[in-house]
Amino acid sequence: MPYRSALSDYLDALAARAVQEVRQSVALEDADLFTLNNHYYVSAEAAFRARLKKAYLRPEKLSSEQEQEVCGVLLFGGRTTDGAGV
């Protein structure tokens, strides 16, 4: 079956190219970062670290009123049981 062989060869070439592209992308990530705009980089890094820290902090416990409001939104789609909006 010559078609299967040609298709198989083509897919093998595509897979090899994909592996090469992934390795090249990973190598770019491993390289040191260089920028002439150090101020922008430092501020962007600080903002990223702040978002990362916020993502890992535990949220404060909800009060009973806040908990009821959240349950109302989840159960009734933002409407209270009497039909009014939250």
Protein backbone atom coordinates (compact mmCIF):
# COMPACT_ATOMS: atom_id res chain seq x y z
CA MET A 1 0.00 0.00 0.00
CA PRO A 2 2.00 3.00 -1.19
CA TYR A 3 -0.56 5.49 0.16
CA ARG A 4 -0.17 4.26 3.72
CA SER A 5 3.60 4.53 3.47
CA ALA A 6 3.46 8.08 2.08
CA LEU A 7 0.94 9.14 4.71
CA SER A 8 2.94 7.50 7.46
CA ASP A 9 6.13 9.22 6.29
CA TYR A 10 4.32 12.56 6.16
CA LEU A 11 2.92 12.13 9.68
CA ASP A 12 6.34 11.10 10.99
CA ALA A 13 7.84 14.25 9.47
CA LEU A 14 5.12 16.39 11.05
CA ALA A 15 5.67 14.75 14.44
CA ALA A 16 9.43 15.31 14.22
CA ARG A 17 8.85 18.97 13.31
CA ALA A 18 6.44 19.37 16.24
CA VAL A 19 9.00 17.91 18.66
CA GLN A 20 11.63 20.28 17.26
CA GLU A 21 9.31 23.29 17.68
CA VAL A 22 8.45 22.34 21.27
CA ARG A 23 12.11 21.88 22.17
CA GLN A 24 12.92 25.25 20.61
CA SER A 25 10.10 26.94 22.56
CA VAL A 26 11.25 25.36 25.82
CA ALA A 27 14.81 26.51 25.12
CA LEU A 28 13.52 30.07 24.69
CA GLU A 29 11.79 29.85 28.07
CA ASP A 30 15.01 28.63 29.71
CA ALA A 31 17.06 31.48 28.28
CA ASP A 32 17.82 34.53 30.42
CA LEU A 33 15.59 37.52 29.94
CA PHE A 34 17.15 40.70 28.58
CA THR A 35 15.39 44.01 28.29
CA LEU A 36 16.44 47.62 27.89
CA ASN A 37 13.24 48.75 29.64
CA ASN A 38 14.10 47.58 33.15
CA HIS A 39 11.49 49.80 34.83
CA TYR A 40 8.64 48.22 32.85
CA TYR A 41 9.95 44.72 33.52
CA VAL A 42 10.27 45.32 37.28
CA SER A 43 6.76 46.79 37.52
CA ALA A 44 5.25 43.97 35.43
CA GLU A 45 7.04 41.37 37.57
CA ALA A 46 5.78 43.04 40.78
CA ALA A 47 2.22 43.06 39.44
CA PHE A 48 2.48 39.41 38.46
CA ARG A 49 3.85 38.43 41.87
CA ALA A 50 1.02 40.34 43.57
CA ARG A 51 -1.60 38.50 41.49
CA LEU A 52 0.11 35.19 42.21
CA LYS A 53 0.20 35.88 45.94
CA LYS A 54 -3.47 36.89 45.92
CA ALA A 55 -4.36 33.66 44.10
CA TYR A 56 -2.70 31.57 46.81
CA LEU A 57 -4.09 33.45 49.82
CA ARG A 58 -7.13 31.99 51.52
CA PRO A 59 -10.21 34.20 51.19
CA GLU A 60 -11.86 35.58 54.30
CA LYS A 61 -14.80 33.59 55.65
CA LEU A 62 -18.12 34.88 54.36
CA SER A 63 -20.65 36.30 56.76
CA SER A 64 -24.02 34.56 56.91
CA GLU A 65 -25.58 37.36 54.81
CA GLN A 66 -22.87 37.07 52.16
CA GLU A 67 -23.24 33.28 52.18
CA GLN A 68 -27.00 33.58 51.62
CA GLU A 69 -26.41 36.06 48.79
CA VAL A 70 -23.96 33.68 47.09
CA CYS A 71 -26.37 30.76 47.50
CA GLY A 72 -29.14 32.90 46.01
CA VAL A 73 -27.01 33.71 42.98
CA LEU A 74 -25.99 30.08 42.51
CA LEU A 75 -29.43 28.57 43.06
CA PHE A 76 -31.69 31.22 41.58
CA GLY A 77 -29.46 32.85 38.95
CA GLY A 78 -29.21 36.19 40.73
CA ARG A 79 -32.89 36.32 41.68
CA THR A 80 -34.13 35.94 45.21
CA THR A 81 -36.94 33.56 46.01
CA ASP A 82 -39.48 36.43 45.79
CA GLY A 83 -38.38 37.20 42.18
CA ALA A 84 -36.46 40.39 42.96
CA GLY A 85 -32.88 40.77 41.84
CA VAL A 86 -29.96 40.44 44.22
